[in-house]
Amino acid sequence: MATTKAKESENDLAKGSVSSAYSLIALQILSRLATFTLNQLLLRLASPKVFGTAAIQLDLLLSTVLFLSREGVRNALLRVPRETSSSIQVVNVSTLPVLIGSPLALGLTLGYRAIASPATRAQPHFDEAILIYALAALLDLLSEPLHNRAQSQMRFNIRVRAEGAGIIARSVCTVAALAIAGEKWSLLAFAGGQLAYAGSVLFSYIMAFRNEGIQLVPRRAQEQGKSTVPFDSGSFKLALTMTGQSVFKHFLTEGDRIVVSRVSPLEDQGGYAVASNYGSLVARILFQPIEESSRLYFSKILSPKSTTESKSKEETPVPVSKASLTQATTTLESILFLHSHLALALTTLLAPLIPFLSAFLLPPRYRSTAAPRILRAYCAYIPAMGANGILEAFVHATASPAQLKIQARWMIFFSLTFVAVVTLGASGLLGVEWDDTMLVWANVVNLGSRALYGWIFAKGYFGERGGDSVSFKNVRPCIPGIVAFGLSAIVARWSEMNFDQRGQRFKHAGLCIGCGVVSLVICLWVDRMRFLDMFKAIQGRKKVD
C-alpha cells in the first residue's frame, strides 16, 4: 500500500511538472510575442539612447532588487512538503521578499542615482523614473506570498493569468504613453509600464485567493496558546543561504549588462539591448519554463521530508527511494537529451542565418551597430544558458545547505574569472579587439563552467545514493545526427559566403532550413524509440491531467 501511494505521489509530481512546463511555456510565448511586438514599436518610438537607459540600466536595477529579494526564498519554499506549506511559520517565510526588498530597493536606487553618468542623469524625468521603478519592484514583491502559495499548490493557471495580465498591461501602457506623450516623457513611459505590470500581477493574485484568505505580511505564530518563533527555522535558514548565493548568481547572470551599462555609450547600450532581447527569445520561451518546472519537480521528488533534515558534509546522504532516483535520473537525462538536439541546431544552422534575419528584425539604424554580431554570438550563448539552467535547477532542488556553500565558493571563483577576463579583454591585454560581443562569449564560458559543475554534482548525487548515475552517452544526440548537423554547418557557411546578395538570401535561408530538416529527421529516425517513449510519457501525463 505504501509503495502504491508513493508511486501515485511520484506520478502526481510528474503530471504536475508537465502541466507546469506547458503552462509556463504558454506564458513565455505570450510574454515573448508581446515583448517582440513591443520592441518593434518601441524601436520606432524611442531613441537608442532612451531605449538603452530603460532596457539596460533601469531594467537591471529592477531585476537586481527582485532577484536578490525573492530567489532564495522561492527555492527554499519549493522543498517544503505540501502538508506543511500552509502553516503560519512557513507562510511568514514567504513574506520575507518584501522585508528584504524594501531597504534593498532604497539602497540600490540611491546608489544607482549616485553612479549614473551625467548623460544618463541629464535625460528628462530620470529621477522620477528610477523612483517609479523602485516602487514597481516593491509592489511586485508584495505578491510573492501568493505566488509561492500557487506554486506550492501546483495551481499554475493562477500564475499564468496573473503574469499574462501584467504583460498586456505593461505593453499597452508603455506604447500608449510613448505615442501620446512623446520623446520627453519616454523614461516615465517605461517606468509607468513596469508599475502597471506589478499592479496587475498583485491584483490578479488577490482576486484568485480572495475567498481563501490572504496574508502579505508576517503574522504572529502561536503554539499551544503561546507565541513562538515566527519563521519555520529550516526554511528560514535555507532561504538565507540561497539568498546569499543568489548575489553571485545574479552577478554572473547579469554581468554583461553591468559592464555594458558602465563602459558603453547610451546609443550602443540601446543596440546591445535590442540584440539581447531578440537573442533571448528562445531561451525565455523554452529554457526558463523547463528550468522552473525541473526545480519544482526535483525539489518534491528528491528533497527530504523536512527542510530541517538537511545534512552536513560529514553526514551520510539523505535516503531517497530507488524508484524516485530512477525516475529522477530518467527525467534529467531526457530533458538534457532534448536540449542537446536544440543546441546542435542553434549552433550549426541558426548562426549563418543571422544576416538574413537581421534585415527583418533590426531597423536600418541598428544594423550598423554590434547588434548583428551579438545575435550571432547568442547562438552559442542560448545552449549554454539552457544547459546551465537545467543543471542548476537540479542542484538547487537537491543540495544541502553545506553543499550550497561549496557551490557558492565556486560561484565566487567563476565571478572573479569573469571579471578578470572582461578586464583583460577591455584593456587589450588578451591581444584581441574588444567589443560588446566579447561579453557574450565570456558569458558562454562562464555558463559552461557552471553547467559542468552541475553535471559533476548530479553524477555524485545519484552515485552516493546507489542510483544509476547520469551518463553523457544518454544525453548526447546520436552519432549519425551529429555528423549530419556537422556537414549541414559546412554547407550553411558555404551558402552564407556565396549567397550574400539581396536577391539570393532566400536561397541561402531555404538551404539552411532544408539541411536542418534533413539532419533532424536523421536524429528522429535513429533514436525513434526513445523519442516515442518520451512522447507517450508526456501524452499519458496530459491525459491524466
Protein backbone atom coordinates (compact mmCIF):
# COMPACT_ATOMS: atom_id res chain seq x y z
CA MET A 1 0.00 0.00 0.00
CA ALA A 2 2.78 2.39 0.91
CA THR A 3 4.56 1.58 -2.34
CA THR A 4 1.38 2.24 -4.30
CA LYS A 5 0.88 5.60 -2.59
CA ALA A 6 4.49 6.54 -3.25
CA LYS A 7 4.11 5.72 -6.93
CA GLU A 8 0.88 7.72 -7.11
CA SER A 9 2.63 10.64 -5.44
CA GLU A 10 5.52 10.46 -7.91
CA ASN A 11 3.10 10.26 -10.83
CA ASP A 12 1.26 13.31 -9.47
CA LEU A 13 4.56 15.17 -9.30
CA ALA A 14 5.44 14.18 -12.84
CA LYS A 15 1.98 15.17 -14.01
CA GLY A 16 2.19 18.49 -12.19
CA SER A 17 5.63 19.19 -13.60
CA VAL A 18 4.48 18.53 -17.17
CA SER A 19 1.45 20.74 -16.56
CA SER A 20 3.78 23.38 -15.14
CA ALA A 21 6.05 23.21 -18.18
CA TYR A 22 3.14 23.56 -20.63
CA SER A 23 1.60 26.44 -18.67
CA LEU A 24 4.88 28.30 -18.31
CA ILE A 25 5.81 27.76 -21.96
CA ALA A 26 2.41 29.17 -22.93
CA LEU A 27 3.06 32.12 -20.62
CA GLN A 28 6.50 32.68 -22.12
CA ILE A 29 5.13 32.51 -25.66
CA LEU A 30 2.60 35.20 -24.74
CA SER A 31 5.30 37.19 -22.96
CA ARG A 32 7.81 37.00 -25.80
CA LEU A 33 5.24 37.71 -28.51
CA ALA A 34 4.14 40.76 -26.55
CA THR A 35 7.78 41.73 -25.98
CA PHE A 36 8.63 41.21 -29.65
CA THR A 37 5.69 43.36 -30.75
CA LEU A 38 6.51 45.93 -28.09
CA ASN A 39 10.15 46.08 -29.18
CA GLN A 40 9.18 46.63 -32.81
CA LEU A 41 7.02 49.57 -31.76
CA LEU A 42 9.48 50.95 -29.22
CA LEU A 43 12.35 50.94 -31.72
CA ARG A 44 10.33 53.34 -33.81
CA LEU A 45 9.03 55.45 -30.92
CA ALA A 46 12.07 55.70 -28.63
CA SER A 47 15.62 56.73 -29.46
CA PRO A 48 18.51 54.28 -28.90
CA LYS A 49 19.64 56.49 -26.01
CA VAL A 50 16.33 56.18 -24.15
CA PHE A 51 15.92 52.51 -25.05
CA GLY A 52 19.41 51.74 -23.73
CA THR A 53 18.74 53.54 -20.45
CA ALA A 54 15.44 51.75 -19.88
CA ALA A 55 16.28 48.27 -21.19
CA ILE A 56 19.80 48.07 -19.77
CA GLN A 57 20.14 50.32 -16.73
CA LEU A 58 16.65 50.68 -15.25
CA ASP A 59 15.73 47.09 -16.01
CA LEU A 60 18.98 45.98 -14.35
CA LEU A 61 18.04 47.98 -11.24
CA LEU A 62 14.62 46.32 -11.17
CA SER A 63 15.89 42.78 -11.75
CA THR A 64 18.58 43.19 -9.08
CA VAL A 65 16.05 44.16 -6.41
CA LEU A 66 13.66 41.36 -7.40
CA PHE A 67 16.24 38.60 -7.81
CA LEU A 68 18.17 39.25 -4.60
CA SER A 69 14.97 39.64 -2.58
CA ARG A 70 12.99 36.61 -3.71
CA GLU A 71 15.12 33.99 -5.50
CA GLY A 72 16.46 32.34 -2.34
CA VAL A 73 13.04 32.33 -0.66
CA ARG A 74 11.36 30.81 -3.71
CA ASN A 75 13.90 27.99 -3.96
CA ALA A 76 13.74 27.23 -0.23
CA LEU A 77 9.94 27.04 -0.17
CA LEU A 78 9.89 24.57 -3.05
CA ARG A 79 11.33 21.99 -0.64
CA VAL A 80 8.57 22.40 1.94
CA PRO A 81 6.21 19.37 1.96
CA ARG A 82 2.74 20.20 0.71
CA GLU A 83 1.10 19.22 4.01
CA THR A 84 3.04 21.88 5.97
CA SER A 85 3.18 24.61 3.33
CA SER A 86 0.12 26.41 4.74
CA SER A 87 1.40 26.75 8.32
CA ILE A 88 1.79 30.31 9.61
CA GLN A 89 5.54 29.90 10.12
CA VAL A 90 6.09 28.75 6.53
CA VAL A 91 3.79 31.44 5.12
CA ASN A 92 5.74 34.01 7.15
CA VAL A 93 8.89 32.89 5.32
CA SER A 94 7.14 33.65 2.03
CA THR A 95 6.68 37.27 3.17
CA LEU A 96 10.44 37.80 3.54
CA PRO A 97 10.99 39.18 0.00
CA VAL A 98 9.20 42.47 0.68
CA LEU A 99 11.05 42.81 4.01
CA ILE A 100 14.38 42.24 2.26
CA GLY A 101 13.42 44.26 -0.79
CA SER A 102 12.39 47.47 0.98
CA PRO A 103 15.84 48.51 2.26
CA LEU A 104 17.48 46.92 -0.78
CA ALA A 105 15.38 48.98 -3.19
CA LEU A 106 16.15 52.16 -1.26
CA GLY A 107 19.89 51.47 -1.13
CA LEU A 108 20.24 50.38 -4.75
CA THR A 109 18.15 53.29 -6.04
CA LEU A 110 20.26 55.84 -4.18
CA GLY A 111 23.46 54.05 -5.22
CA TYR A 112 22.45 53.91 -8.87
CA ARG A 113 21.47 57.60 -8.80
CA ALA A 114 24.92 58.45 -7.44
CA ILE A 115 26.96 56.47 -10.00
CA ALA A 116 24.85 57.12 -13.11
CA SER A 117 26.74 59.01 -15.80
CA PRO A 118 25.98 62.71 -16.39
CA ALA A 119 24.49 61.85 -19.80
CA THR A 120 22.10 59.40 -18.16
CA ARG A 121 21.06 61.77 -15.36
CA ALA A 122 20.54 64.60 -17.83
CA GLN A 123 17.62 62.83 -19.51
CA PRO A 124 14.16 64.29 -18.78
CA HIS A 125 12.38 62.85 -15.71
CA PHE A 126 15.25 60.50 -14.87
CA ASP A 127 14.83 60.84 -11.08
CA GLU A 128 11.09 60.24 -11.23
CA ALA A 129 11.63 57.18 -13.43
CA ILE A 130 14.02 55.42 -11.05
CA LEU A 131 11.67 56.08 -8.12
CA ILE A 132 8.77 54.53 -10.02
CA TYR A 133 10.92 51.51 -10.91
CA ALA A 134 11.75 51.04 -7.20
CA LEU A 135 8.06 51.31 -6.31
CA ALA A 136 7.20 48.76 -9.02
CA ALA A 137 9.75 46.36 -7.52
CA LEU A 138 8.18 46.63 -4.05
CA LEU A 139 4.69 46.18 -5.48
CA ASP A 140 5.89 43.08 -7.33
CA LEU A 141 7.46 41.67 -4.14
CA LEU A 142 4.22 42.21 -2.24
CA SER A 143 2.60 39.49 -4.35
CA GLU A 144 5.30 36.91 -3.51
CA PRO A 145 3.37 35.09 -0.73
CA LEU A 146 0.50 34.47 -3.14
CA HIS A 147 2.88 33.45 -5.93
CA ASN A 148 4.54 30.91 -3.64
CA ARG A 149 1.16 29.58 -2.49
CA ALA A 150 0.10 29.00 -6.08
CA GLN A 151 3.40 27.23 -6.83
CA SER A 152 3.16 25.03 -3.73
CA GLN A 153 -0.39 24.00 -4.63
CA MET A 154 0.63 23.46 -8.28
CA ARG A 155 -2.06 25.90 -9.43
CA PHE A 156 -0.02 27.18 -12.33
CA ASN A 157 -3.03 28.63 -14.11
CA ILE A 158 -3.16 31.36 -11.46
CA ARG A 159 0.39 32.44 -12.21
CA VAL A 160 -0.20 32.30 -15.96
CA ARG A 161 -3.27 34.54 -15.66
CA ALA A 162 -1.54 36.98 -13.30
CA GLU A 163 1.66 37.40 -15.30
CA GLY A 164 -0.22 37.35 -18.60
CA ALA A 165 -2.39 40.24 -17.42
CA GLY A 166 0.72 42.07 -16.26
CA ILE A 167 2.46 41.64 -19.61
CA ILE A 168 -0.52 43.01 -21.51
CA ALA A 169 -0.87 45.94 -19.09
CA ARG A 170 2.83 46.81 -19.39
CA SER A 171 2.81 46.65 -23.19
CA VAL A 172 -0.32 48.75 -23.62
CA CYS A 173 0.72 51.32 -21.00
CA THR A 174 4.26 51.78 -22.37
CA VAL A 175 3.30 52.09 -26.03
CA ALA A 176 0.31 54.34 -25.32
CA ALA A 177 2.38 56.67 -23.14
CA LEU A 178 5.16 56.90 -25.73
CA ALA A 179 2.75 57.51 -28.58
CA ILE A 180 0.76 60.17 -26.72
CA ALA A 181 3.38 61.95 -24.59
CA GLY A 182 6.35 61.95 -26.94
CA GLU A 183 10.13 61.69 -26.55
CA LYS A 184 10.40 63.94 -23.49
CA TRP A 185 8.36 61.54 -21.37
CA SER A 186 9.95 58.32 -22.67
CA LEU A 187 11.61 57.21 -19.42
CA LEU A 188 8.39 57.79 -17.48
CA ALA A 189 6.54 55.74 -20.10
CA PHE A 190 8.82 52.76 -19.47
CA ALA A 191 8.52 53.24 -15.70
CA GLY A 192 4.74 53.52 -15.89
CA GLY A 193 4.58 50.31 -17.89
CA GLN A 194 6.55 48.46 -15.24
CA LEU A 195 4.31 49.83 -12.48
CA ALA A 196 1.25 48.70 -14.45
CA TYR A 197 2.75 45.21 -14.69
CA ALA A 198 3.37 44.93 -10.94
CA GLY A 199 -0.05 46.32 -10.04
CA SER A 200 -1.83 43.95 -12.45
CA VAL A 201 0.02 40.91 -11.11
CA LEU A 202 -0.79 41.78 -7.49
CA PHE A 203 -4.44 42.47 -8.30
CA SER A 204 -4.77 39.15 -10.18
CA TYR A 205 -3.31 37.15 -7.30
CA ILE A 206 -5.56 38.90 -4.77
CA MET A 207 -8.64 38.14 -6.87
CA ALA A 208 -7.59 34.49 -7.24
CA PHE A 209 -7.18 33.95 -3.48
CA ARG A 210 -9.77 36.42 -2.19
CA ASN A 211 -12.02 33.64 -0.82
CA GLU A 212 -9.19 31.62 0.75
CA GLY A 213 -7.58 34.20 2.99
CA ILE A 214 -4.70 36.49 2.03
CA GLN A 215 -1.52 37.12 4.01
CA LEU A 216 1.01 39.55 2.55
CA VAL A 217 2.96 40.45 5.72
CA PRO A 218 4.28 38.31 8.63
CA ARG A 219 1.86 37.29 11.39
CA ARG A 220 2.47 36.26 14.98
CA ALA A 221 2.87 32.49 15.28
CA GLN A 222 1.47 30.65 18.30
CA GLU A 223 1.95 27.14 19.62
CA GLN A 224 -0.35 25.83 22.37
CA GLY A 225 -1.56 29.36 23.04
CA LYS A 226 1.94 30.83 23.40
CA SER A 227 3.93 32.96 20.99
CA THR A 228 6.70 31.09 19.21
CA VAL A 229 9.35 31.72 16.56
CA PRO A 230 7.54 33.45 13.66
CA PHE A 231 9.51 31.67 10.91
CA ASP A 232 10.00 27.98 10.13
CA SER A 233 13.64 27.51 11.12
CA GLY A 234 14.62 25.06 8.38
CA SER A 235 13.07 27.09 5.55
CA PHE A 236 14.37 30.35 7.02
CA LYS A 237 17.98 29.16 7.22
CA LEU A 238 17.84 27.62 3.75
CA ALA A 239 16.32 30.82 2.35
CA LEU A 240 19.13 32.90 3.85
CA THR A 241 21.76 30.52 2.44
CA MET A 242 20.23 30.62 -1.03
CA THR A 243 19.74 34.39 -0.87
CA GLY A 244 23.43 34.87 -0.12
CA GLN A 245 24.32 32.59 -3.01
CA SER A 246 21.97 34.47 -5.34
CA VAL A 247 24.27 37.51 -5.12
CA PHE A 248 26.96 35.66 -7.07
CA LYS A 249 24.48 34.00 -9.41
CA HIS A 250 22.94 37.37 -10.23
CA PHE A 251 26.32 38.95 -10.87
CA LEU A 252 27.23 36.12 -13.24
CA THR A 253 23.86 36.21 -14.99
CA GLU A 254 23.75 39.98 -15.40
CA GLY A 255 27.48 40.57 -15.75
CA ASP A 256 27.21 41.61 -19.37
CA ARG A 257 24.57 44.25 -18.68
CA ILE A 258 26.52 45.54 -15.69
CA VAL A 259 29.63 46.01 -17.84
CA VAL A 260 27.72 47.48 -20.80
CA SER A 261 25.94 49.96 -18.52
CA ARG A 262 29.28 51.20 -17.21
CA VAL A 263 31.53 51.30 -20.29
CA SER A 264 29.33 51.71 -23.38
CA PRO A 265 27.72 54.94 -24.66
CA LEU A 266 23.93 55.10 -24.27
CA GLU A 267 23.37 54.62 -28.02
CA ASP A 268 25.45 51.42 -28.01
CA GLN A 269 23.57 50.23 -24.94
CA GLY A 270 20.40 50.54 -27.00
CA GLY A 271 21.86 48.33 -29.74
CA TYR A 272 23.02 45.76 -27.20
CA ALA A 273 19.59 45.74 -25.56
CA VAL A 274 17.84 45.12 -28.88
CA ALA A 275 20.14 42.24 -29.78
CA SER A 276 19.95 40.63 -26.34
CA ASN A 277 16.15 40.88 -26.32
CA TYR A 278 15.91 39.08 -29.64
CA GLY A 279 18.65 36.65 -28.71
CA SER A 280 16.92 35.58 -25.53
CA LEU A 281 13.58 34.79 -27.19
CA VAL A 282 14.29 31.05 -27.46
CA ALA A 283 15.88 30.94 -24.02
CA ARG A 284 12.90 32.58 -22.34
CA ILE A 285 10.22 30.68 -24.24
CA LEU A 286 11.70 27.20 -23.72
CA PHE A 287 14.50 27.09 -21.19
CA GLN A 288 13.11 29.27 -18.41
CA PRO A 289 9.85 27.24 -18.08
CA ILE A 290 11.79 23.98 -18.23
CA GLU A 291 14.21 25.24 -15.57
CA GLU A 292 11.41 26.30 -13.21
CA SER A 293 9.42 23.10 -13.74
CA SER A 294 12.53 20.96 -13.23
CA ARG A 295 13.36 22.76 -9.99
CA LEU A 296 9.82 22.16 -8.73
CA TYR A 297 9.82 18.51 -9.78
CA PHE A 298 13.23 17.59 -8.35
CA SER A 299 12.52 19.55 -5.15
CA LYS A 300 9.43 17.48 -4.45
CA ILE A 301 10.61 14.05 -5.56
CA LEU A 302 14.15 14.08 -4.15
CA SER A 303 14.18 16.51 -1.21
CA PRO A 304 13.89 15.23 2.39
CA LYS A 305 10.50 15.34 4.08
CA SER A 306 11.52 18.37 6.12
CA THR A 307 13.96 21.12 5.49
CA THR A 308 15.36 20.53 8.98
CA GLU A 309 16.70 17.16 7.85
CA SER A 310 19.47 18.72 5.79
CA LYS A 311 22.78 17.03 6.36
CA SER A 312 26.21 18.42 6.96
CA LYS A 313 29.16 17.50 4.80
CA GLU A 314 30.29 14.79 7.22
CA GLU A 315 26.91 13.02 7.46
CA THR A 316 25.56 10.36 5.14
CA PRO A 317 23.28 11.44 2.27
CA VAL A 318 19.55 11.70 2.90
CA PRO A 319 17.99 8.39 1.78
CA VAL A 320 15.76 8.51 -1.29
CA SER A 321 13.70 5.63 -2.65
CA LYS A 322 15.12 3.64 -5.56
CA ALA A 323 12.03 4.41 -7.65
CA SER A 324 12.43 8.15 -7.08
CA LEU A 325 16.11 8.01 -8.02
CA THR A 326 15.38 6.07 -11.21
CA GLN A 327 12.59 8.42 -12.25
CA ALA A 328 14.71 11.49 -11.49
CA THR A 329 17.67 10.12 -13.47
CA THR A 330 15.46 9.33 -16.45
CA THR A 331 13.81 12.75 -16.32
CA LEU A 332 17.09 14.67 -16.07
CA GLU A 333 18.66 12.68 -18.92
CA SER A 334 15.56 13.13 -21.11
CA ILE A 335 15.50 16.90 -20.61
CA LEU A 336 19.21 17.19 -21.41
CA PHE A 337 18.78 14.84 -24.39
CA LEU A 338 16.13 17.09 -25.95
CA HIS A 339 18.18 20.17 -25.13
CA SER A 340 21.28 18.77 -26.84
CA HIS A 341 19.38 18.48 -30.13
CA LEU A 342 18.16 22.05 -29.94
CA ALA A 343 21.66 23.23 -29.02
CA LEU A 344 23.13 21.42 -32.02
CA ALA A 345 20.63 23.03 -34.39
CA LEU A 346 21.20 26.53 -32.98
CA THR A 347 24.99 26.43 -33.10
CA THR A 348 25.29 24.87 -36.56
CA LEU A 349 22.43 26.36 -38.57
CA LEU A 350 20.98 29.45 -36.90
CA ALA A 351 24.26 31.41 -36.82
CA PRO A 352 24.62 31.51 -40.66
CA LEU A 353 21.02 32.77 -40.87
CA ILE A 354 21.63 35.85 -38.69
CA PRO A 355 22.46 38.23 -41.61
CA PHE A 356 19.23 37.13 -43.32
CA LEU A 357 17.14 37.56 -40.16
CA SER A 358 18.74 40.90 -39.23
CA ALA A 359 17.26 42.51 -42.32
CA PHE A 360 13.78 41.78 -40.94
CA LEU A 361 14.35 42.21 -37.20
CA LEU A 362 16.55 45.31 -36.98
CA PRO A 363 15.70 48.85 -38.15
CA PRO A 364 18.35 50.30 -40.51
CA ARG A 365 19.98 52.45 -37.81
CA TYR A 366 20.66 49.34 -35.68
CA ARG A 367 22.18 47.18 -38.44
CA SER A 368 25.41 49.16 -38.43
CA THR A 369 25.88 48.60 -34.68
CA ALA A 370 27.16 45.49 -32.92
CA ALA A 371 23.62 44.09 -32.81
CA PRO A 372 24.03 41.56 -35.70
CA ARG A 373 27.31 40.26 -34.25
CA ILE A 374 25.75 39.97 -30.80
CA LEU A 375 22.84 38.00 -32.23
CA ARG A 376 25.29 35.59 -33.83
CA ALA A 377 27.13 35.11 -30.54
CA TYR A 378 23.79 34.35 -28.88
CA CYS A 379 23.59 31.18 -30.99
CA ALA A 380 26.25 29.77 -28.65
CA TYR A 381 25.03 31.62 -25.56
CA ILE A 382 21.49 30.16 -25.66
CA PRO A 383 22.54 26.47 -25.49
CA ALA A 384 24.99 27.25 -22.68
CA MET A 385 22.26 29.11 -20.79
CA GLY A 386 19.84 26.21 -21.24
CA ALA A 387 22.24 23.51 -20.05
CA ASN A 388 23.27 25.59 -17.05
CA GLY A 389 19.66 26.38 -16.15
CA ILE A 390 18.60 22.73 -16.18
CA LEU A 391 21.57 21.51 -14.14
CA GLU A 392 21.47 24.40 -11.66
CA ALA A 393 17.77 23.68 -11.14
CA PHE A 394 18.76 20.16 -10.09
CA VAL A 395 21.49 21.45 -7.76
CA HIS A 396 19.22 24.00 -6.06
CA ALA A 397 16.47 21.40 -5.67
CA THR A 398 18.63 18.70 -4.06
CA ALA A 399 21.74 20.23 -2.47
CA SER A 400 22.04 20.51 1.31
CA PRO A 401 22.99 23.87 2.90
CA ALA A 402 26.58 22.62 3.22
CA GLN A 403 26.68 21.70 -0.47
CA LEU A 404 25.17 25.05 -1.39
CA LYS A 405 28.02 26.75 0.47
CA ILE A 406 30.50 24.75 -1.61
CA GLN A 407 28.70 25.84 -4.76
CA ALA A 408 28.81 29.43 -3.51
CA ARG A 409 32.62 29.21 -3.33
CA TRP A 410 32.70 28.05 -6.93
CA MET A 411 30.37 30.93 -7.82
CA ILE A 412 32.91 33.32 -6.30
CA PHE A 413 35.64 31.70 -8.40
CA PHE A 414 33.54 31.98 -11.58
CA SER A 415 32.75 35.62 -10.73
CA LEU A 416 36.41 36.52 -10.29
CA THR A 417 37.30 34.70 -13.51
CA PHE A 418 34.59 36.59 -15.40
CA VAL A 419 35.82 39.92 -14.03
CA ALA A 420 39.42 39.05 -14.92
CA VAL A 421 38.56 38.05 -18.50
CA VAL A 422 36.45 41.16 -19.09
CA THR A 423 39.07 43.46 -17.55
CA LEU A 424 41.92 41.95 -19.55
CA GLY A 425 39.88 41.94 -22.74
CA ALA A 426 38.74 45.54 -22.39
CA SER A 427 42.31 46.65 -21.71
CA GLY A 428 43.61 44.89 -24.84
CA LEU A 429 45.95 42.58 -22.93
CA LEU A 430 44.37 39.47 -24.47
CA GLY A 431 45.54 40.58 -27.91
CA VAL A 432 42.08 40.74 -29.49
CA GLU A 433 39.95 43.71 -30.49
CA TRP A 434 37.35 44.17 -27.78
CA ASP A 435 33.70 44.84 -28.49
CA ASP A 436 30.38 44.03 -26.86
CA THR A 437 30.25 40.55 -28.42
CA MET A 438 33.19 39.54 -26.24
CA LEU A 439 30.93 39.95 -23.21
CA VAL A 440 28.59 37.35 -24.68
CA TRP A 441 31.46 34.93 -25.28
CA ALA A 442 32.77 35.49 -21.76
CA ASN A 443 29.30 34.58 -20.52
CA VAL A 444 29.31 31.43 -22.66
CA VAL A 445 32.48 30.27 -20.90
CA ASN A 446 31.00 31.24 -17.53
CA LEU A 447 27.74 29.36 -18.14
CA GLY A 448 29.59 26.34 -19.50
CA SER A 449 31.73 26.18 -16.36
CA ARG A 450 28.67 26.36 -14.12
CA ALA A 451 26.92 23.67 -16.17
CA LEU A 452 29.97 21.42 -15.79
CA TYR A 453 29.81 21.88 -12.02
CA GLY A 454 26.10 20.96 -12.06
CA TRP A 455 26.82 17.84 -14.14
CA ILE A 456 29.53 16.68 -11.74
CA PHE A 457 27.20 17.32 -8.80
CA ALA A 458 24.38 15.31 -10.42
CA LYS A 459 26.66 12.33 -11.09
CA GLY A 460 27.85 12.42 -7.48
CA TYR A 461 24.32 12.80 -6.11
CA PHE A 462 22.97 9.68 -7.80
CA GLY A 463 26.17 7.70 -7.22
CA GLU A 464 26.20 8.36 -3.45
CA ARG A 465 22.62 7.09 -3.14
CA GLY A 466 23.10 3.90 -5.11
CA GLY A 467 21.16 5.02 -8.15
CA ASP A 468 22.05 4.88 -11.83
CA SER A 469 24.32 7.84 -12.50
CA VAL A 470 23.60 10.19 -15.37
CA SER A 471 25.60 9.34 -18.48
CA PHE A 472 26.84 11.61 -21.26
CA LYS A 473 26.01 8.86 -23.75
CA ASN A 474 22.35 9.13 -22.75
CA VAL A 475 22.11 12.90 -23.27
CA ARG A 476 24.03 13.50 -26.50
CA PRO A 477 22.44 13.14 -29.96
CA CYS A 478 23.19 10.01 -31.96
CA ILE A 479 26.48 9.88 -33.90
CA PRO A 480 24.77 9.94 -37.35
CA GLY A 481 22.83 13.02 -36.25
CA ILE A 482 25.98 14.80 -35.06
CA VAL A 483 27.67 14.03 -38.39
CA ALA A 484 24.62 15.24 -40.32
CA PHE A 485 24.49 18.53 -38.42
CA GLY A 486 28.25 18.95 -38.85
CA LEU A 487 28.01 18.55 -42.62
CA SER A 488 24.98 20.87 -42.64
CA ALA A 489 27.04 23.52 -40.84
CA ILE A 490 29.70 23.35 -43.56
CA VAL A 491 27.07 23.69 -46.29
CA ALA A 492 25.36 26.56 -44.45
CA ARG A 493 28.58 28.54 -44.10
CA TRP A 494 29.46 27.95 -47.76
CA SER A 495 25.98 29.18 -48.66
CA GLU A 496 26.39 32.27 -46.46
CA MET A 497 29.57 33.25 -48.30
CA ASN A 498 28.24 32.58 -51.80
CA PHE A 499 24.60 33.70 -51.50
CA ASP A 500 25.23 37.06 -49.80
CA GLN A 501 23.46 39.26 -52.33
CA ARG A 502 19.99 40.59 -51.55
CA GLY A 503 18.25 38.53 -54.23
CA GLN A 504 19.99 35.30 -53.18
CA ARG A 505 19.35 35.45 -49.44
CA PHE A 506 16.13 33.45 -49.68
CA LYS A 507 18.10 30.68 -51.42
CA HIS A 508 20.51 30.75 -48.50
CA ALA A 509 17.67 30.58 -45.95
CA GLY A 510 15.98 27.73 -47.81
CA LEU A 511 19.22 25.75 -47.98
CA CYS A 512 19.87 26.19 -44.24
CA ILE A 513 16.33 25.18 -43.31
CA GLY A 514 16.47 22.18 -45.65
CA CYS A 515 19.74 20.99 -44.13
CA GLY A 516 18.25 21.38 -40.66
CA VAL A 517 15.16 19.34 -41.52
CA VAL A 518 17.23 16.52 -43.02
CA SER A 519 19.55 16.42 -40.00
CA LEU A 520 16.63 16.42 -37.57
CA VAL A 521 14.88 13.61 -39.46
CA ILE A 522 18.06 11.52 -39.19
CA CYS A 523 18.15 12.11 -35.42
CA LEU A 524 14.46 11.24 -35.06
CA TRP A 525 14.83 8.06 -37.10
CA VAL A 526 17.94 6.72 -35.36
CA ASP A 527 16.57 7.43 -31.85
CA ARG A 528 12.92 6.91 -32.80
CA MET A 529 12.16 4.50 -29.94
CA ARG A 530 13.45 6.91 -27.31
CA PHE A 531 11.59 9.87 -28.79
CA LEU A 532 8.44 7.73 -28.99
CA ASP A 533 8.74 6.68 -25.34
CA MET A 534 9.13 10.30 -24.23
CA PHE A 535 6.17 11.37 -26.36
CA LYS A 536 3.98 8.61 -24.90
CA ALA A 537 5.02 9.55 -21.37
CA ILE A 538 4.10 13.19 -21.93
CA GLN A 539 0.80 12.29 -23.60
CA GLY A 540 -0.03 9.92 -20.76
CA ARG A 541 0.54 12.62 -18.17
CA LYS A 542 -1.52 15.10 -20.15
CA LYS A 543 -4.45 12.62 -20.27
CA VAL A 544 -4.23 12.05 -16.52
CA ASP A 545 -4.40 15.81 -16.10
